[in-house]
C-alpha atoms as a PDB file:
ATOM      1  CA  MET A   1     -85.174  10.932   5.197  1.00  0.00           C
ATOM      2  CA  GLU A   2     -83.042   7.641   5.321  1.00  0.00           C
ATOM      3  CA  GLN A   3     -80.689   7.178   8.194  1.00  0.00           C
ATOM      4  CA  GLY A   4     -77.092   7.878   7.885  1.00  0.00           C
ATOM      5  CA  VAL A   5     -74.825   5.207   6.519  1.00  0.00           C
ATOM      6  CA  GLN A   6     -71.621   4.237   8.566  1.00  0.00           C
ATOM      7  CA  GLY A   7     -68.537   4.280   6.338  1.00  0.00           C
ATOM      8  CA  PRO A   8     -65.299   2.632   6.913  1.00  0.00           C
ATOM      9  CA  PRO A   9     -63.386   3.399  10.111  1.00  0.00           C
ATOM     10  CA  GLY A  10     -62.388   6.927  10.386  1.00  0.00           C
ATOM     11  CA  THR A  11     -64.817   8.253   7.887  1.00  0.00           C
ATOM     12  CA  PRO A  12     -67.649  10.807   9.197  1.00  0.00           C
ATOM     13  CA  VAL A  13     -71.226   9.496   9.287  1.00  0.00           C
ATOM     14  CA  THR A  14     -73.286  11.264   6.757  1.00  0.00           C
ATOM     15  CA  ALA A  15     -77.149  11.672   6.310  1.00  0.00           C
ATOM     16  CA  ARG A  16     -78.260  10.349   2.740  1.00  0.00           C
ATOM     17  CA  VAL A  17     -81.298  11.848   1.082  1.00  0.00           C
ATOM     18  CA  PRO A  18     -83.143   9.412  -1.322  1.00  0.00           C
ATOM     19  CA  ASP A  19     -82.797  10.263  -5.035  1.00  0.00           C
ATOM     20  CA  ARG A  20     -86.794  10.462  -5.341  1.00  0.00           C
ATOM     21  CA  GLN A  21     -86.649  13.527  -2.897  1.00  0.00           C
ATOM     22  CA  ARG A  22     -84.342  15.438  -4.671  1.00  0.00           C
ATOM     23  CA  SER A  23     -85.028  18.078  -7.214  1.00  0.00           C
ATOM     24  CA  ALA A  24     -83.878  18.186 -10.675  1.00  0.00           C
ATOM     25  CA  GLY A  25     -81.081  20.617  -9.440  1.00  0.00           C
ATOM     26  CA  GLY A  26     -79.714  18.145  -7.031  1.00  0.00           C
ATOM     27  CA  ALA A  27     -81.331  19.759  -3.739  1.00  0.00           C
ATOM     28  CA  ALA A  28     -83.991  18.309  -1.522  1.00  0.00           C
ATOM     29  CA  PRO A  29     -87.435  19.867  -1.995  1.00  0.00           C
ATOM     30  CA  GLY A  30     -87.727  22.896   0.425  1.00  0.00           C
ATOM     31  CA  ARG A  31     -83.855  23.259   0.837  1.00  0.00           C
ATOM     32  CA  GLU A  32     -83.095  24.940  -2.388  1.00  0.00           C
ATOM     33  CA  ARG A  33     -80.324  27.555  -1.759  1.00  0.00           C
ATOM     34  CA  ASP A  34     -79.926  31.033  -3.034  1.00  0.00           C
ATOM     35  CA  ALA A  35     -77.220  31.052  -5.690  1.00  0.00           C
ATOM     36  CA  ALA A  36     -75.863  34.028  -3.862  1.00  0.00           C
ATOM     37  CA  ALA A  37     -75.885  32.336  -0.438  1.00  0.00           C
ATOM     38  CA  PRO A  38     -72.460  31.289   1.104  1.00  0.00           C
ATOM     39  CA  ASP A  39     -71.885  27.498   0.679  1.00  0.00           C
ATOM     40  CA  THR A  40     -71.364  27.060   4.452  1.00  0.00           C
ATOM     41  CA  ALA A  41     -71.995  23.299   4.048  1.00  0.00           C
ATOM     42  CA  ARG A  42     -68.614  22.974   2.458  1.00  0.00           C
ATOM     43  CA  GLY A  43     -66.883  25.008   4.957  1.00  0.00           C
ATOM     44  CA  GLU A  44     -66.642  28.115   2.876  1.00  0.00           C
ATOM     45  CA  HIS A  45     -66.036  31.569   4.902  1.00  0.00           C
ATOM     46  CA  THR A  46     -69.018  33.399   6.023  1.00  0.00           C
ATOM     47  CA  HIS A  47     -68.228  37.127   6.279  1.00  0.00           C
ATOM     48  CA  GLY A  48     -69.093  38.752   9.488  1.00  0.00           C
ATOM     49  CA  GLU A  49     -68.492  35.575  11.311  1.00  0.00           C
ATOM     50  CA  ARG A  50     -66.416  35.829  14.351  1.00  0.00           C
ATOM     51  CA  PRO A  51     -63.251  34.123  13.778  1.00  0.00           C
ATOM     52  CA  VAL A  52     -62.735  30.817  15.887  1.00  0.00           C
ATOM     53  CA  PRO A  53     -59.495  30.259  17.627  1.00  0.00           C
ATOM     54  CA  GLY A  54     -57.497  27.356  16.685  1.00  0.00           C
ATOM     55  CA  PRO A  55     -57.871  24.309  18.899  1.00  0.00           C
ATOM     56  CA  ARG A  56     -55.434  24.117  21.918  1.00  0.00           C
ATOM     57  CA  ALA A  57     -54.899  20.496  21.234  1.00  0.00           C
ATOM     58  CA  ALA A  58     -53.475  20.958  17.612  1.00  0.00           C
ATOM     59  CA  VAL A  59     -50.871  23.405  18.794  1.00  0.00           C
ATOM     60  CA  GLN A  60     -49.920  20.984  21.777  1.00  0.00           C
ATOM     61  CA  ARG A  61     -49.633  18.068  19.146  1.00  0.00           C
ATOM     62  CA  SER A  62     -47.393  20.157  16.969  1.00  0.00           C
ATOM     63  CA  SER A  63     -45.071  20.888  19.955  1.00  0.00           C
ATOM     64  CA  VAL A  64     -45.127  17.140  20.963  1.00  0.00           C
ATOM     65  CA  ARG A  65     -44.301  16.247  17.464  1.00  0.00           C
ATOM     66  CA  GLY A  66     -41.449  18.718  17.298  1.00  0.00           C
ATOM     67  CA  GLN A  67     -39.978  17.212  20.724  1.00  0.00           C
ATOM     68  CA  ILE A  68     -40.212  13.629  19.550  1.00  0.00           C
ATOM     69  CA  LEU A  69     -38.518  14.685  16.168  1.00  0.00           C
ATOM     70  CA  ASP A  70     -35.595  16.181  18.123  1.00  0.00           C
ATOM     71  CA  ALA A  71     -35.520  12.979  20.391  1.00  0.00           C
ATOM     72  CA  LEU A  72     -35.387  10.657  17.259  1.00  0.00           C
ATOM     73  CA  ARG A  73     -32.768  12.941  15.710  1.00  0.00           C
ATOM     74  CA  THR A  74     -30.734  12.408  18.740  1.00  0.00           C
ATOM     75  CA  ALA A  75     -31.226   8.664  18.822  1.00  0.00           C
ATOM     76  CA  LEU A  76     -30.033   8.330  15.323  1.00  0.00           C
ATOM     77  CA  VAL A  77     -26.871  10.186  15.936  1.00  0.00           C
ATOM     78  CA  THR A  78     -26.135   8.406  19.139  1.00  0.00           C
ATOM     79  CA  GLY A  79     -26.932   4.982  17.461  1.00  0.00           C
ATOM     80  CA  ASP A  80     -29.717   4.236  19.899  1.00  0.00           C
ATOM     81  CA  LEU A  81     -31.930   3.732  16.770  1.00  0.00           C
ATOM     82  CA  LYS A  82     -29.567   1.268  14.822  1.00  0.00           C
ATOM     83  CA  PRO A  83     -29.134   1.344  10.967  1.00  0.00           C
ATOM     84  CA  GLY A  84     -31.091  -1.541   9.226  1.00  0.00           C
ATOM     85  CA  GLU A  85     -33.376  -1.986  12.305  1.00  0.00           C
ATOM     86  CA  VAL A  86     -37.234  -1.437  11.900  1.00  0.00           C
ATOM     87  CA  TYR A  87     -39.223   0.474  14.583  1.00  0.00           C
ATOM     88  CA  SER A  88     -42.959   0.865  14.787  1.00  0.00           C
ATOM     89  CA  ALA A  89     -44.558   4.098  15.842  1.00  0.00           C
ATOM     90  CA  PRO A  90     -46.512   2.419  18.528  1.00  0.00           C
ATOM     91  CA  ALA A  91     -43.472   0.828  20.111  1.00  0.00           C
ATOM     92  CA  LEU A  92     -41.718   4.204  19.914  1.00  0.00           C
ATOM     93  CA  GLY A  93     -44.611   5.952  21.302  1.00  0.00           C
ATOM     94  CA  GLU A  94     -44.681   3.724  24.355  1.00  0.00           C
ATOM     95  CA  ARG A  95     -40.941   4.453  24.796  1.00  0.00           C
ATOM     96  CA  PHE A  96     -41.469   8.337  24.870  1.00  0.00           C
ATOM     97  CA  GLY A  97     -44.703   8.060  26.852  1.00  0.00           C
ATOM     98  CA  VAL A  98     -46.836   9.506  23.943  1.00  0.00           C
ATOM     99  CA  SER A  99     -49.291   8.209  21.427  1.00  0.00           C
ATOM    100  CA  ALA A 100     -48.299   6.777  18.088  1.00  0.00           C
ATOM    101  CA  THR A 101     -49.494   9.822  15.912  1.00  0.00           C
ATOM    102  CA  PRO A 102     -46.842  12.410  16.967  1.00  0.00           C
ATOM    103  CA  VAL A 103     -43.980   9.549  16.465  1.00  0.00           C
ATOM    104  CA  ARG A 104     -45.568   8.515  13.118  1.00  0.00           C
ATOM    105  CA  GLU A 105     -45.687  12.364  12.120  1.00  0.00           C
ATOM    106  CA  ALA A 106     -41.839  12.769  13.228  1.00  0.00           C
ATOM    107  CA  MET A 107     -40.852   9.580  11.385  1.00  0.00           C
ATOM    108  CA  GLN A 108     -42.408  10.662   8.239  1.00  0.00           C
ATOM    109  CA  GLN A 109     -40.358  13.979   8.348  1.00  0.00           C
ATOM    110  CA  LEU A 110     -37.234  11.688   8.940  1.00  0.00           C
ATOM    111  CA  THR A 111     -38.337   9.749   5.774  1.00  0.00           C
ATOM    112  CA  LEU A 112     -38.374  13.054   3.724  1.00  0.00           C
ATOM    113  CA  GLU A 113     -34.764  13.608   5.173  1.00  0.00           C
ATOM    114  CA  GLY A 114     -33.606  10.206   4.064  1.00  0.00           C
ATOM    115  CA  ALA A 115     -32.894   8.963   7.674  1.00  0.00           C
ATOM    116  CA  VAL A 116     -35.536   6.355   7.579  1.00  0.00           C
ATOM    117  CA  GLU A 117     -37.534   4.469   5.036  1.00  0.00           C
ATOM    118  CA  VAL A 118     -41.363   3.151   5.296  1.00  0.00           C
ATOM    119  CA  VAL A 119     -41.640  -0.531   5.681  1.00  0.00           C
ATOM    120  CA  PRO A 120     -45.439  -1.427   5.039  1.00  0.00           C
ATOM    121  CA  ASN A 121     -47.265  -2.800   7.926  1.00  0.00           C
ATOM    122  CA  ARG A 122     -44.339  -2.974   9.958  1.00  0.00           C
ATOM    123  CA  GLY A 123     -43.056   0.632  10.624  1.00  0.00           C
ATOM    124  CA  PHE A 124     -39.895   2.468   9.572  1.00  0.00           C
ATOM    125  CA  ARG A 125     -36.332   1.114   8.889  1.00  0.00           C
ATOM    126  CA  VAL A 126     -33.297   3.142   9.809  1.00  0.00           C
ATOM    127  CA  VAL A 127     -31.217   3.835   6.368  1.00  0.00           C
ATOM    128  CA  GLU A 128     -27.891   2.232   6.336  1.00  0.00           C
ATOM    129  CA  ARG A 129     -25.319   4.275   4.701  1.00  0.00           C
ATOM    130  CA  GLY A 130     -21.880   2.754   3.717  1.00  0.00           C
ATOM    131  CA  ALA A 131     -18.331   4.705   3.606  1.00  0.00           C
ATOM    132  CA  ARG A 132     -18.892   5.403  -0.072  1.00  0.00           C
ATOM    133  CA  GLU A 133     -22.182   7.232   0.402  1.00  0.00           C
ATOM    134  CA  LEU A 134     -20.893   9.105   3.494  1.00  0.00           C
ATOM    135  CA  ALA A 135     -17.789  10.211   1.411  1.00  0.00           C
ATOM    136  CA  GLU A 136     -20.100  11.270  -1.550  1.00  0.00           C
ATOM    137  CA  LEU A 137     -22.257  13.288   1.113  1.00  0.00           C
ATOM    138  CA  ALA A 138     -18.980  14.988   2.326  1.00  0.00           C
ATOM    139  CA  GLU A 139     -17.909  15.638  -1.460  1.00  0.00           C
ATOM    140  CA  VAL A 140     -21.270  17.511  -2.239  1.00  0.00           C
ATOM    141  CA  ARG A 141     -21.142  19.495   0.923  1.00  0.00           C
ATOM    142  CA  ALA A 142     -17.415  20.648  -0.147  1.00  0.00           C
ATOM    143  CA  LEU A 143     -18.611  21.491  -3.528  1.00  0.00           C
ATOM    144  CA  ILE A 144     -21.261  23.733  -2.081  1.00  0.00           C
ATOM    145  CA  GLU A 145     -19.475  25.261   1.059  1.00  0.00           C
ATOM    146  CA  VAL A 146     -16.220  25.713   0.069  1.00  0.00           C
ATOM    147  CA  PRO A 147     -16.550  27.996  -3.001  1.00  0.00           C
ATOM    148  CA  VAL A 148     -19.060  30.147  -0.789  1.00  0.00           C
ATOM    149  CA  LEU A 149     -16.595  30.486   2.049  1.00  0.00           C
ATOM    150  CA  LEU A 150     -13.809  31.499  -0.050  1.00  0.00           C
ATOM    151  CA  ARG A 151     -15.778  34.231  -2.037  1.00  0.00           C
ATOM    152  CA  LEU A 152     -16.978  35.514   1.526  1.00  0.00           C
ATOM    153  CA  ALA A 153     -13.417  35.354   2.792  1.00  0.00           C
ATOM    154  CA  ARG A 154     -12.479  38.081  -0.150  1.00  0.00           C
ATOM    155  CA  THR A 155     -15.539  40.181   0.599  1.00  0.00           C
ATOM    156  CA  LEU A 156     -16.493  40.287   4.319  1.00  0.00           C
ATOM    157  CA  PRO A 157     -14.588  42.508   6.883  1.00  0.00           C
ATOM    158  CA  ALA A 158     -12.859  40.660   9.762  1.00  0.00           C
ATOM    159  CA  GLY A 159     -15.430  41.647  12.230  1.00  0.00           C
ATOM    160  CA  ARG A 160     -18.105  39.496  10.658  1.00  0.00           C
ATOM    161  CA  TRP A 161     -15.998  36.410  11.371  1.00  0.00           C
ATOM    162  CA  ALA A 162     -15.065  37.293  14.776  1.00  0.00           C
ATOM    163  CA  GLY A 163     -19.016  37.247  15.615  1.00  0.00           C
ATOM    164  CA  LEU A 164     -18.971  33.578  15.004  1.00  0.00           C
ATOM    165  CA  ARG A 165     -16.319  32.825  17.379  1.00  0.00           C
ATOM    166  CA  PRO A 166     -18.821  31.927  20.319  1.00  0.00           C
ATOM    167  CA  LEU A 167     -20.259  29.171  18.104  1.00  0.00           C
ATOM    168  CA  ALA A 168     -16.970  27.882  17.055  1.00  0.00           C
ATOM    169  CA  GLU A 169     -15.961  27.845  20.756  1.00  0.00           C
ATOM    170  CA  GLU A 170     -19.120  26.166  21.635  1.00  0.00           C
ATOM    171  CA  THR A 171     -18.117  23.220  19.405  1.00  0.00           C
ATOM    172  CA  VAL A 172     -15.030  22.816  21.117  1.00  0.00           C
ATOM    173  CA  ARG A 173     -17.089  22.768  24.563  1.00  0.00           C
ATOM    174  CA  ALA A 174     -19.347  20.204  22.901  1.00  0.00           C
ATOM    175  CA  ALA A 175     -16.365  17.962  21.587  1.00  0.00           C
ATOM    176  CA  ALA A 176     -14.947  17.961  25.116  1.00  0.00           C
ATOM    177  CA  THR A 177     -18.251  16.272  26.578  1.00  0.00           C
ATOM    178  CA  GLY A 178     -17.541  13.288  24.113  1.00  0.00           C
ATOM    179  CA  CYS A 179     -21.269  13.354  23.414  1.00  0.00           C
ATOM    180  CA  PRO A 180     -21.650  12.801  19.498  1.00  0.00           C
ATOM    181  CA  ALA A 181     -25.268  14.249  19.840  1.00  0.00           C
ATOM    182  CA  ALA A 182     -24.202  17.572  21.388  1.00  0.00           C
ATOM    183  CA  TYR A 183     -21.352  17.629  19.036  1.00  0.00           C
ATOM    184  CA  ALA A 184     -23.495  17.310  15.945  1.00  0.00           C
ATOM    185  CA  GLU A 185     -25.953  19.691  16.948  1.00  0.00           C
ATOM    186  CA  SER A 186     -23.302  22.236  17.699  1.00  0.00           C
ATOM    187  CA  ASP A 187     -21.328  21.438  14.427  1.00  0.00           C
ATOM    188  CA  ARG A 188     -24.416  22.065  12.402  1.00  0.00           C
ATOM    189  CA  ALA A 189     -25.007  25.426  14.102  1.00  0.00           C
ATOM    190  CA  PHE A 190     -21.583  26.479  13.259  1.00  0.00           C
ATOM    191  CA  HIS A 191     -21.785  25.778   9.672  1.00  0.00           C
ATOM    192  CA  ARG A 192     -25.208  26.815   9.339  1.00  0.00           C
ATOM    193  CA  ALA A 193     -24.116  30.436  10.707  1.00  0.00           C
ATOM    194  CA  LEU A 194     -20.897  30.434   8.139  1.00  0.00           C
ATOM    195  CA  LEU A 195     -23.090  29.858   5.228  1.00  0.00           C
ATOM    196  CA  ALA A 196     -25.955  32.508   6.490  1.00  0.00           C
ATOM    197  CA  LEU A 197     -23.463  35.140   5.802  1.00  0.00           C
ATOM    198  CA  ALA A 198     -23.952  34.743   2.139  1.00  0.00           C
ATOM    199  CA  GLY A 199     -27.638  35.759   2.582  1.00  0.00           C
ATOM    200  CA  ASN A 200     -28.986  32.852   0.554  1.00  0.00           C
ATOM    201  CA  GLU A 201     -31.687  30.996   2.512  1.00  0.00           C
ATOM    202  CA  GLN A 202     -31.852  28.100  -0.213  1.00  0.00           C
ATOM    203  CA  LEU A 203     -28.184  27.484   0.156  1.00  0.00           C
ATOM    204  CA  VAL A 204     -28.552  27.336   4.068  1.00  0.00           C
ATOM    205  CA  ARG A 205     -31.256  24.849   3.758  1.00  0.00           C
ATOM    206  CA  ILE A 206     -29.765  22.597   1.276  1.00  0.00           C
ATOM    207  CA  ALA A 207     -26.531  22.466   2.832  1.00  0.00           C
ATOM    208  CA  GLU A 208     -27.969  21.726   6.399  1.00  0.00           C
ATOM    209  CA  ASP A 209     -30.052  18.968   4.887  1.00  0.00           C
ATOM    210  CA  LEU A 210     -26.829  17.261   3.357  1.00  0.00           C
ATOM    211  CA  HIS A 211     -24.921  17.910   6.830  1.00  0.00           C
ATOM    212  CA  ARG A 212     -27.964  16.241   8.702  1.00  0.00           C
ATOM    213  CA  ARG A 213     -27.826  13.243   6.213  1.00  0.00           C
ATOM    214  CA  SER A 214     -24.015  12.889   6.873  1.00  0.00           C
ATOM    215  CA  GLN A 215     -24.299  12.662  10.499  1.00  0.00           C
ATOM    216  CA  TRP A 216     -26.162   9.463  10.530  1.00  0.00           C
ATOM    217  CA  PRO A 217     -25.491   6.618  10.921  1.00  0.00           C
ATOM    218  CA  PRO A 218     -22.920   8.108  13.213  1.00  0.00           C
ATOM    219  CA  VAL A 219     -19.296   7.565  12.419  1.00  0.00           C
ATOM    220  CA  ARG A 220     -17.658   6.560  15.872  1.00  0.00           C
ATOM    221  CA  ARG A 221     -15.275   9.083  16.738  1.00  0.00           C
ATOM    222  CA  GLY A 222     -13.538   9.554  20.271  1.00  0.00           C
ATOM    223  CA  ARG A 223     -13.217  12.722  22.202  1.00  0.00           C
ATOM    224  CA  ALA A 224      -9.850  13.294  21.060  1.00  0.00           C
ATOM    225  CA  GLU A 225     -11.226  13.214  17.376  1.00  0.00           C
ATOM    226  CA  LEU A 226     -14.061  15.523  18.043  1.00  0.00           C
ATOM    227  CA  LEU A 227     -11.849  18.004  19.630  1.00  0.00           C
ATOM    228  CA  ALA A 228      -9.459  18.012  16.687  1.00  0.00           C
ATOM    229  CA  ASP A 229     -12.599  18.568  14.421  1.00  0.00           C
ATOM    230  CA  ALA A 230     -13.832  21.367  16.613  1.00  0.00           C
ATOM    231  CA  ALA A 231     -10.398  22.972  16.551  1.00  0.00           C
ATOM    232  CA  GLU A 232     -10.526  23.375  12.848  1.00  0.00           C
ATOM    233  CA  HIS A 233     -13.436  25.430  13.298  1.00  0.00           C
ATOM    234  CA  VAL A 234     -11.727  28.073  15.364  1.00  0.00           C
ATOM    235  CA  ALA A 235      -8.632  27.854  13.009  1.00  0.00           C
ATOM    236  CA  LEU A 236     -10.845  28.410   9.887  1.00  0.00           C
ATOM    237  CA  LEU A 237     -12.292  31.548  11.488  1.00  0.00           C
ATOM    238  CA  ASP A 238      -8.818  32.871  12.078  1.00  0.00           C
ATOM    239  CA  ALA A 239      -7.776  32.226   8.484  1.00  0.00           C
ATOM    240  CA  LEU A 240     -10.999  33.843   7.289  1.00  0.00           C
ATOM    241  CA  ALA A 241     -10.714  37.029   9.481  1.00  0.00           C
ATOM    242  CA  ALA A 242      -7.130  37.332   8.207  1.00  0.00           C
ATOM    243  CA  GLY A 243      -8.315  37.115   4.439  1.00  0.00           C
ATOM    244  CA  ASP A 244      -5.993  34.123   4.049  1.00  0.00           C
ATOM    245  CA  ALA A 245      -7.907  32.249   1.252  1.00  0.00           C
ATOM    246  CA  ASP A 246      -4.879  29.511   0.977  1.00  0.00           C
ATOM    247  CA  ALA A 247      -5.140  28.637   4.532  1.00  0.00           C
ATOM    248  CA  ALA A 248      -8.833  28.882   4.538  1.00  0.00           C
ATOM    249  CA  ARG A 249      -8.924  26.387   1.364  1.00  0.00           C
ATOM    250  CA  GLY A 250      -6.730  23.870   3.064  1.00  0.00           C
ATOM    251  CA  LEU A 251      -8.692  24.031   6.418  1.00  0.00           C
ATOM    252  CA  ILE A 252     -11.995  23.344   4.610  1.00  0.00           C
ATOM    253  CA  GLY A 253     -11.001  20.797   2.469  1.00  0.00           C
ATOM    254  CA  GLY A 254      -9.226  18.944   5.205  1.00  0.00           C
ATOM    255  CA  HIS A 255     -12.348  19.211   7.383  1.00  0.00           C
ATOM    256  CA  PHE A 256     -14.744  17.674   4.763  1.00  0.00           C
ATOM    257  CA  ALA A 257     -12.181  15.166   3.936  1.00  0.00           C
ATOM    258  CA  GLY A 258     -11.914  14.237   7.589  1.00  0.00           C
END
């Protein structure tokens, strides 16, 4: 049998059987398989074989990827990753003290979310969004969320809204810190919980994606502006609990417009 041939970097080394040693059916002499035998060469499951636990490294890498993704999202909201700038996975990996692989995987997720775009042979560029695009995102969010919340205001008992007050109060505490990343996270959590009352997972997923997109690049707002925005959450809950659709409509509209 001939020796294996080394393929391009990253491809496995495979042994090659010369054509003259193959049978008419394609198998080497003396190695014909029973048609009923499981094709273990291609990795098919063999019944009765004890399951092999998943490799610990894969779980750890997934965890690292998630942590890096969270860190990158925070850096986007705070402006540490600047719109228009290109960042390479190796450089970011060195910054976070990890290899380039989990950074690249996290950046690919951010690409799907519309936060960055691939620059061939260079890395990832942070997407630049102008005032018009941010206004369009706010309008789409309003078109989705406002009708749902007004419908819920007519159907849900007051107690359901009261259960969300801790999340509304958390946005106030986050705003008081003046940290845009902390407020962005609490703001998404509050709106996610509001929409979750509709019982539509697809709605929640789409709305959160729009919400996240609207948070970068960050709009510079001071502590007073964040506190005013957070106060609208509490006022909105009061209006919804009271079944005051007009007040709720005005608060929601102003919230998205702001």
